Amino acid sequence: MTQTASSRRPIRVLIVDDSAVVRQTLADLISSDPELEVMGTAADPFAAAERIRAEKPDVILLDVEMPRMDGVTFLKKIMAQHPTPVVMCSSLVGDKTATLSEAMAAGAVEVICKPQVGIRGFLEESRVRICDSVRAAAQARLSRLRPTPAIAAKLSADAVLPPPGTRAMTRTTEKIVAVGASTGGTEALRLFLRQLPPDSPPIVIVQHMPEGFTAAFARRLNDECAVSVTEARNGDRLLRGHALIAPGNRHTLLARSGATYAIEVRDGPLVSRHRPSVDVLFRSVARYAGANAVGIIMTGMGDDGARGLKEMRDAGARTLGQDEESCVVYGMPAEARRHGAVESELPLERLAATALRLCQS
């Protein structure tokens, strides 16, 4: 017998953080959501391990910097001994964000950043994102995390960029690839970009990430890929062999002057609950590239990107979606497919080759 939404068991969360203020604040936020339940809290990984041995949580909220054992080391032990979806919660900034890249590589599903001061107020303002991250983690299929070779008002892309006109701009000889991803996307993008040759068409990517983390993520990808990968900056030109990652907490749009494409990075409200938003990127690509573009929607929870990808397809772009079997969370591609935005749905390992073929046709 199928459970209804009201009768479904709440998602049980274990909070691990050495700060009593953070533990209490997170516990209050989680408890305020009827779909979530605080299973317990722990001040360090050793206390958390004892709790996990007695009762396994659905999701773990885990701090990075803690006494006795750091969060990344504990994460690796969890994934080896008691595989459980983990959301990292950290105040690491600057060069230290490489530690968070290590956490994502080790199997963390999401990352939530917190400031070093004003933590309680920040976390309370971030309630919707935190609860959404826990729900996304609970849906994640851990086997897909490392592939081998109260609801707030949700704005649409209208809040940042008007809808594209009925006529796309004249074709140029240059094709571009626009990609959107969320939960599970860090490793999906790594596999996708590693398959691309150094002369690939220009690529622009929105991956839902906190501010300060995207630069480290881009550096990690740049070290592993034949294409050059950098965090996007306002005014960057789109060049062959280059992939640009939208910076956290800023919308990234495609702009165009004649036959030249460039990037516009701007502030703005949350769109589809996100900043950067895939919908905003895809809408700008529909407007300024039209049939010169290939759009790809990858693993992630929610519907960000579904409407924008449909606008791209309506403007003549070729559109691809990651299939359910290869997704960590089959949310965003499923919504895009439901909107009629996805022309072809493919396994993750086939997306890069297909995108290259479509750019050549």
Protein backbone atom coordinates (compact mmCIF):
# COMPACT_ATOMS: atom_id res chain seq x y z
CA MET A 1 0.00 0.00 0.00
CA THR A 2 1.47 3.37 -1.06
CA GLN A 3 1.99 5.93 1.70
CA THR A 4 0.44 9.36 1.32
CA ALA A 5 2.51 12.49 1.86
CA SER A 6 0.84 13.01 5.26
CA SER A 7 1.47 9.44 6.45
CA ARG A 8 5.04 9.07 5.15
CA ARG A 9 7.67 8.67 7.87
CA PRO A 10 9.69 11.87 8.40
CA ILE A 11 13.30 11.98 7.22
CA ARG A 12 15.43 11.39 10.33
CA VAL A 13 18.48 13.64 10.65
CA LEU A 14 21.61 13.36 12.82
CA ILE A 15 23.38 16.70 13.43
CA VAL A 16 27.14 16.56 14.11
CA ASP A 17 28.80 19.87 15.05
CA ASP A 18 31.09 20.92 17.88
CA SER A 19 29.20 24.21 18.39
CA ALA A 20 26.25 23.96 20.78
CA VAL A 21 24.72 27.05 19.13
CA VAL A 22 24.87 25.48 15.67
CA ARG A 23 23.51 22.16 16.92
CA GLN A 24 20.55 23.84 18.61
CA THR A 25 19.85 26.19 15.68
CA LEU A 26 19.98 23.40 13.13
CA ALA A 27 17.81 21.21 15.34
CA ASP A 28 15.21 23.98 15.58
CA LEU A 29 15.24 24.51 11.81
CA ILE A 30 14.95 20.82 11.00
CA SER A 31 12.16 20.34 13.55
CA SER A 32 10.17 23.20 11.98
CA ASP A 33 9.73 21.18 8.78
CA PRO A 34 6.96 18.54 9.03
CA GLU A 35 8.82 16.25 6.61
CA LEU A 36 11.99 16.21 8.74
CA GLU A 37 12.83 14.97 12.23
CA VAL A 38 15.93 15.37 14.39
CA MET A 39 17.10 11.90 15.36
CA GLY A 40 19.80 13.32 17.59
CA THR A 41 22.83 15.59 17.85
CA ALA A 42 26.52 14.93 18.54
CA ALA A 43 29.41 17.23 19.44
CA ASP A 44 32.09 15.15 17.67
CA PRO A 45 32.47 12.16 15.31
CA PHE A 46 33.08 9.70 18.15
CA ALA A 47 29.75 10.54 19.80
CA ALA A 48 28.11 10.43 16.36
CA ALA A 49 29.54 6.99 15.66
CA GLU A 50 28.03 5.66 18.88
CA ARG A 51 24.65 7.06 17.89
CA ILE A 52 24.87 5.60 14.36
CA ARG A 53 25.70 2.15 15.76
CA ALA A 54 22.52 2.28 17.84
CA GLU A 55 20.28 3.73 15.13
CA LYS A 56 21.02 4.67 11.53
CA PRO A 57 19.84 8.13 10.39
CA ASP A 58 18.42 8.89 6.95
CA VAL A 59 20.70 11.94 6.55
CA ILE A 60 23.69 13.31 8.49
CA LEU A 61 24.41 17.04 8.76
CA LEU A 62 28.17 17.10 9.33
CA ASP A 63 30.55 19.94 10.18
CA VAL A 64 34.01 19.92 8.60
CA GLU A 65 36.20 21.29 11.40
CA MET A 66 35.74 19.43 14.70
CA PRO A 67 37.89 18.21 17.60
CA ARG A 68 39.25 14.65 17.82
CA MET A 69 38.49 13.88 14.14
CA ASP A 70 37.81 16.19 11.19
CA GLY A 71 34.57 15.89 9.25
CA VAL A 72 36.09 14.67 5.98
CA THR A 73 37.88 11.79 7.73
CA PHE A 74 34.63 10.87 9.48
CA LEU A 75 32.74 11.12 6.18
CA LYS A 76 35.10 8.59 4.60
CA LYS A 77 34.56 6.22 7.53
CA ILE A 78 30.78 6.61 7.22
CA MET A 79 30.81 5.84 3.51
CA ALA A 80 33.01 2.79 4.09
CA GLN A 81 31.16 1.36 7.10
CA HIS A 82 27.59 2.76 7.14
CA PRO A 83 26.88 4.45 3.76
CA THR A 84 24.51 7.33 4.55
CA PRO A 85 23.66 10.55 2.68
CA VAL A 86 25.74 13.36 4.19
CA VAL A 87 25.29 17.13 3.91
CA MET A 88 28.47 19.01 4.87
CA CYS A 89 28.02 22.22 6.86
CA SER A 90 31.12 24.38 7.02
CA SER A 91 32.52 27.86 7.59
CA LEU A 92 35.60 27.13 5.48
CA VAL A 93 36.39 29.92 3.01
CA GLY A 94 39.15 30.89 0.60
CA ASP A 95 41.83 28.31 -0.10
CA LYS A 96 40.34 26.01 2.56
CA THR A 97 37.38 25.30 0.27
CA ALA A 98 39.59 22.64 -1.32
CA THR A 99 38.69 20.61 1.76
CA LEU A 100 35.06 20.76 0.69
CA SER A 101 36.04 19.54 -2.77
CA GLU A 102 37.63 16.58 -1.04
CA ALA A 103 34.38 16.03 0.86
CA MET A 104 32.33 15.99 -2.33
CA ALA A 105 34.77 13.55 -3.89
CA ALA A 106 34.45 11.35 -0.80
CA GLY A 107 30.69 11.11 -1.21
CA ALA A 108 29.04 14.17 0.39
CA VAL A 109 25.73 14.91 -1.31
CA GLU A 110 25.47 18.65 -0.62
CA VAL A 111 27.45 21.48 0.96
CA ILE A 112 26.02 24.24 3.15
CA CYS A 113 28.31 27.15 4.03
CA LYS A 114 27.96 29.09 7.29
CA PRO A 115 29.70 32.32 8.32
CA GLN A 116 32.20 32.49 11.14
CA VAL A 117 30.10 35.19 12.88
CA GLY A 118 26.34 35.67 13.03
CA ILE A 119 25.78 31.95 12.56
CA ARG A 120 22.37 31.71 14.18
CA GLY A 121 20.84 34.47 12.05
CA PHE A 122 22.43 33.15 8.87
CA LEU A 123 21.18 29.61 9.42
CA GLU A 124 17.69 30.83 10.21
CA GLU A 125 17.62 32.87 6.98
CA SER A 126 18.84 29.77 5.12
CA ARG A 127 16.12 27.48 6.51
CA VAL A 128 14.52 26.67 3.15
CA ARG A 129 17.85 25.83 1.51
CA ILE A 130 18.97 23.69 4.44
CA CYS A 131 15.71 21.73 4.56
CA ASP A 132 15.73 21.33 0.76
CA SER A 133 19.31 20.03 0.93
CA VAL A 134 18.32 17.44 3.54
CA ARG A 135 15.36 16.30 1.42
CA ALA A 136 17.58 16.06 -1.66
CA ALA A 137 20.17 14.05 0.27
CA ALA A 138 17.49 11.64 1.49
CA GLN A 139 16.56 10.90 -2.13
CA ALA A 140 20.14 10.42 -3.30
CA ARG A 141 21.31 7.08 -4.59
CA LEU A 142 24.72 6.70 -3.01
CA SER A 143 25.88 4.24 -5.66
CA ARG A 144 25.70 7.10 -8.18
CA LEU A 145 27.61 9.68 -6.16
CA ARG A 146 31.00 8.64 -7.54
CA PRO A 147 30.45 7.35 -11.10
CA THR A 148 33.21 5.60 -12.84
CA PRO A 149 35.12 6.57 -16.53
CA ALA A 150 7.56 25.85 4.97
CA ILE A 151 7.98 26.57 1.31
CA ALA A 152 9.20 29.99 0.28
CA ALA A 153 7.80 31.76 -2.76
CA LYS A 154 9.60 30.49 -5.85
CA LEU A 155 10.45 33.04 -8.53
CA SER A 156 10.86 32.26 -12.21
CA ALA A 157 13.60 33.52 -14.53
CA ASP A 158 11.32 36.53 -15.25
CA ALA A 159 12.81 38.05 -12.08
CA VAL A 160 16.21 38.34 -13.77
CA LEU A 161 15.67 38.29 -17.56
CA PRO A 162 12.54 38.76 -19.71
CA PRO A 163 11.40 35.78 -21.83
CA PRO A 164 13.15 35.33 -25.19
CA GLY A 165 11.42 36.66 -28.28
CA THR A 166 9.88 34.43 -30.89
CA ARG A 167 12.88 34.88 -33.20
CA ALA A 168 16.34 33.77 -32.17
CA MET A 169 19.34 35.78 -33.29
CA THR A 170 21.01 34.95 -36.57
CA ARG A 171 23.24 31.89 -36.50
CA THR A 172 26.96 32.25 -36.08
CA THR A 173 29.52 29.60 -36.88
CA GLU A 174 30.21 29.01 -33.17
CA LYS A 175 28.19 26.57 -31.11
CA ILE A 176 28.05 26.62 -27.31
CA VAL A 177 27.05 24.10 -24.65
CA ALA A 178 25.05 25.11 -21.56
CA VAL A 179 24.81 22.69 -18.62
CA GLY A 180 22.75 22.73 -15.42
CA ALA A 181 23.15 20.41 -12.42
CA SER A 182 22.50 20.19 -8.68
CA THR A 183 22.57 17.24 -6.23
CA GLY A 184 25.17 14.75 -7.47
CA GLY A 185 26.30 17.17 -10.14
CA THR A 186 29.85 17.73 -8.94
CA GLU A 187 30.92 14.21 -9.84
CA ALA A 188 28.65 14.07 -12.90
CA LEU A 189 30.29 17.21 -14.26
CA ARG A 190 33.73 15.80 -13.52
CA LEU A 191 33.01 12.75 -15.66
CA PHE A 192 31.37 14.85 -18.38
CA LEU A 193 34.23 17.34 -18.66
CA ARG A 194 36.95 14.68 -18.49
CA GLN A 195 35.55 13.17 -21.69
CA LEU A 196 35.90 16.39 -23.69
CA PRO A 197 38.89 17.10 -25.98
CA PRO A 198 40.93 20.30 -25.59
CA ASP A 199 39.28 21.94 -28.63
CA SER A 200 35.71 21.47 -27.41
CA PRO A 201 33.06 24.13 -28.04
CA PRO A 202 32.70 26.73 -25.27
CA ILE A 203 30.83 25.47 -22.21
CA VAL A 204 29.02 27.40 -19.48
CA ILE A 205 27.80 25.56 -16.38
CA VAL A 206 25.50 26.26 -13.45
CA GLN A 207 26.04 23.86 -10.55
CA HIS A 208 24.12 24.73 -7.39
CA MET A 209 26.88 25.56 -4.89
CA PRO A 210 27.50 28.01 -2.06
CA GLU A 211 29.50 31.17 -2.55
CA GLY A 212 33.23 30.62 -2.19
CA PHE A 213 33.11 26.97 -3.19
CA THR A 214 32.81 27.26 -6.97
CA ALA A 215 36.35 28.59 -7.48
CA ALA A 216 37.86 25.56 -5.70
CA PHE A 217 35.55 23.26 -7.65
CA ALA A 218 36.70 24.82 -10.93
CA ARG A 219 40.37 24.44 -9.94
CA ARG A 220 39.81 20.77 -9.13
CA LEU A 221 38.20 20.17 -12.52
CA ASN A 222 40.89 22.16 -14.32
CA ASP A 223 43.56 19.85 -12.86
CA GLU A 224 41.77 16.77 -14.21
CA CYS A 225 40.41 17.83 -17.59
CA ALA A 226 41.84 18.56 -21.04
CA VAL A 227 39.60 21.63 -21.31
CA SER A 228 40.42 24.72 -19.26
CA VAL A 229 37.95 25.12 -16.37
CA THR A 230 37.59 28.38 -14.43
CA GLU A 231 35.02 30.19 -12.32
CA ALA A 232 33.13 32.62 -14.54
CA ARG A 233 33.77 36.35 -14.21
CA ASN A 234 31.73 39.19 -15.59
CA GLY A 235 32.85 39.92 -19.16
CA ASP A 236 34.60 36.58 -19.76
CA ARG A 237 34.46 35.57 -23.42
CA LEU A 238 33.35 32.07 -24.35
CA LEU A 239 36.29 30.39 -26.06
CA ARG A 240 36.84 26.96 -27.53
CA GLY A 241 38.42 24.56 -25.08
CA HIS A 242 37.13 26.53 -22.09
CA ALA A 243 34.43 25.70 -19.53
CA LEU A 244 33.12 28.39 -17.18
CA ILE A 245 31.50 27.55 -13.81
CA ALA A 246 28.90 30.03 -12.52
CA PRO A 247 30.08 31.59 -9.22
CA GLY A 248 28.06 30.74 -6.13
CA ASN A 249 25.40 33.26 -5.06
CA ARG A 250 25.50 35.13 -8.43
CA HIS A 251 23.39 34.59 -11.52
CA THR A 252 25.37 33.80 -14.69
CA LEU A 253 23.96 34.70 -18.10
CA LEU A 254 25.06 34.48 -21.70
CA ALA A 255 25.51 37.81 -23.48
CA ARG A 256 26.33 38.53 -27.09
CA SER A 257 27.86 41.29 -29.19
CA GLY A 258 27.71 40.48 -32.90
CA ALA A 259 29.17 37.01 -33.30
CA THR A 260 30.98 37.07 -29.94
CA TYR A 261 29.58 35.42 -26.82
CA ALA A 262 30.48 36.61 -23.34
CA ILE A 263 29.38 36.07 -19.74
CA GLU A 264 27.39 38.42 -17.57
CA VAL A 265 27.54 37.82 -13.83
CA ARG A 266 24.94 39.71 -11.83
CA ASP A 267 23.07 39.87 -8.54
CA GLY A 268 19.36 39.19 -8.33
CA PRO A 269 16.69 37.34 -6.39
CA LEU A 270 16.59 33.58 -5.95
CA VAL A 271 15.08 31.97 -9.04
CA SER A 272 13.52 28.53 -8.65
CA ARG A 273 14.97 28.88 -5.12
CA HIS A 274 18.52 29.14 -6.43
CA ARG A 275 21.24 31.69 -7.18
CA PRO A 276 22.83 30.87 -9.55
CA SER A 277 19.80 29.47 -11.35
CA VAL A 278 19.87 27.07 -14.27
CA ASP A 279 16.65 28.64 -15.58
CA VAL A 280 18.32 32.05 -15.79
CA LEU A 281 21.32 30.68 -17.70
CA PHE A 282 19.18 28.62 -20.07
CA ARG A 283 16.84 31.54 -20.79
CA SER A 284 19.78 33.77 -21.71
CA VAL A 285 21.14 31.03 -23.97
CA ALA A 286 17.74 30.70 -25.67
CA ARG A 287 17.71 34.44 -26.28
CA TYR A 288 21.25 34.99 -27.47
CA ALA A 289 22.35 31.66 -28.97
CA GLY A 290 19.12 30.01 -30.10
CA ALA A 291 19.84 27.16 -32.49
CA ASN A 292 23.58 27.60 -31.96
CA ALA A 293 23.36 25.95 -28.56
CA VAL A 294 23.16 22.53 -26.95
CA GLY A 295 21.50 22.40 -23.52
CA ILE A 296 22.06 19.63 -20.97
CA ILE A 297 20.15 19.08 -17.73
CA MET A 298 21.84 16.78 -15.22
CA THR A 299 21.15 15.17 -11.86
CA GLY A 300 19.50 17.29 -9.18
CA MET A 301 16.44 17.80 -7.02
CA GLY A 302 13.65 20.21 -7.97
CA ASP A 303 12.68 21.82 -11.25
CA ASP A 304 15.35 24.50 -11.82
CA GLY A 305 16.23 24.45 -15.51
CA ALA A 306 13.08 22.74 -16.80
CA ARG A 307 11.42 25.89 -18.15
CA GLY A 308 14.67 27.39 -19.38
CA LEU A 309 15.56 24.22 -21.28
CA LYS A 310 12.10 24.27 -22.90
CA GLU A 311 12.77 27.84 -24.00
CA MET A 312 16.07 26.71 -25.49
CA ARG A 313 14.38 23.90 -27.38
CA ASP A 314 11.66 26.26 -28.63
CA ALA A 315 14.43 28.58 -29.87
CA GLY A 316 15.96 25.76 -31.95
CA ALA A 317 18.63 24.45 -29.57
CA ARG A 318 19.30 20.74 -29.21
CA THR A 319 18.54 19.52 -25.69
CA LEU A 320 19.69 16.52 -23.66
CA GLY A 321 18.75 15.11 -20.27
CA GLN A 322 20.61 12.70 -18.01
CA ASP A 323 18.67 9.45 -17.65
CA GLU A 324 17.18 8.22 -14.39
CA GLU A 325 19.52 5.25 -14.00
CA SER A 326 22.68 7.40 -13.97
CA CYS A 327 21.28 10.24 -11.81
CA VAL A 328 21.94 10.59 -8.10
CA VAL A 329 18.57 12.38 -7.90
CA TYR A 330 16.28 12.16 -10.93
CA GLY A 331 14.44 15.40 -10.23
CA MET A 332 15.58 18.18 -12.56
CA PRO A 333 15.85 15.94 -15.66
CA ALA A 334 12.45 14.42 -14.88
CA GLU A 335 10.82 17.85 -14.62
CA ALA A 336 12.50 18.99 -17.83
CA ARG A 337 11.21 15.90 -19.58
CA ARG A 338 7.71 16.53 -18.21
CA HIS A 339 7.81 20.06 -19.64
CA GLY A 340 8.72 18.71 -23.09
CA ALA A 341 12.17 20.29 -22.84
CA VAL A 342 14.29 17.16 -23.35
CA GLU A 343 14.89 16.03 -26.91
CA SER A 344 16.93 12.96 -25.93
CA GLU A 345 17.59 11.33 -22.55
CA LEU A 346 20.94 9.56 -22.23
CA PRO A 347 23.22 7.89 -19.65
CA LEU A 348 25.80 10.23 -18.14
CA GLU A 349 28.68 8.55 -19.93
CA ARG A 350 27.13 9.33 -23.35
CA LEU A 351 26.31 12.99 -22.83
CA ALA A 352 29.72 14.43 -23.75
CA ALA A 353 30.09 12.55 -27.05
CA THR A 354 26.51 13.34 -28.02
CA ALA A 355 26.91 17.05 -27.23
CA LEU A 356 30.05 17.18 -29.38
CA ARG A 357 28.25 15.47 -32.27
CA LEU A 358 25.33 17.87 -32.05
CA CYS A 359 27.70 20.86 -32.07
CA GLN A 360 29.28 19.55 -35.25
CA SER A 361 25.99 18.94 -37.07
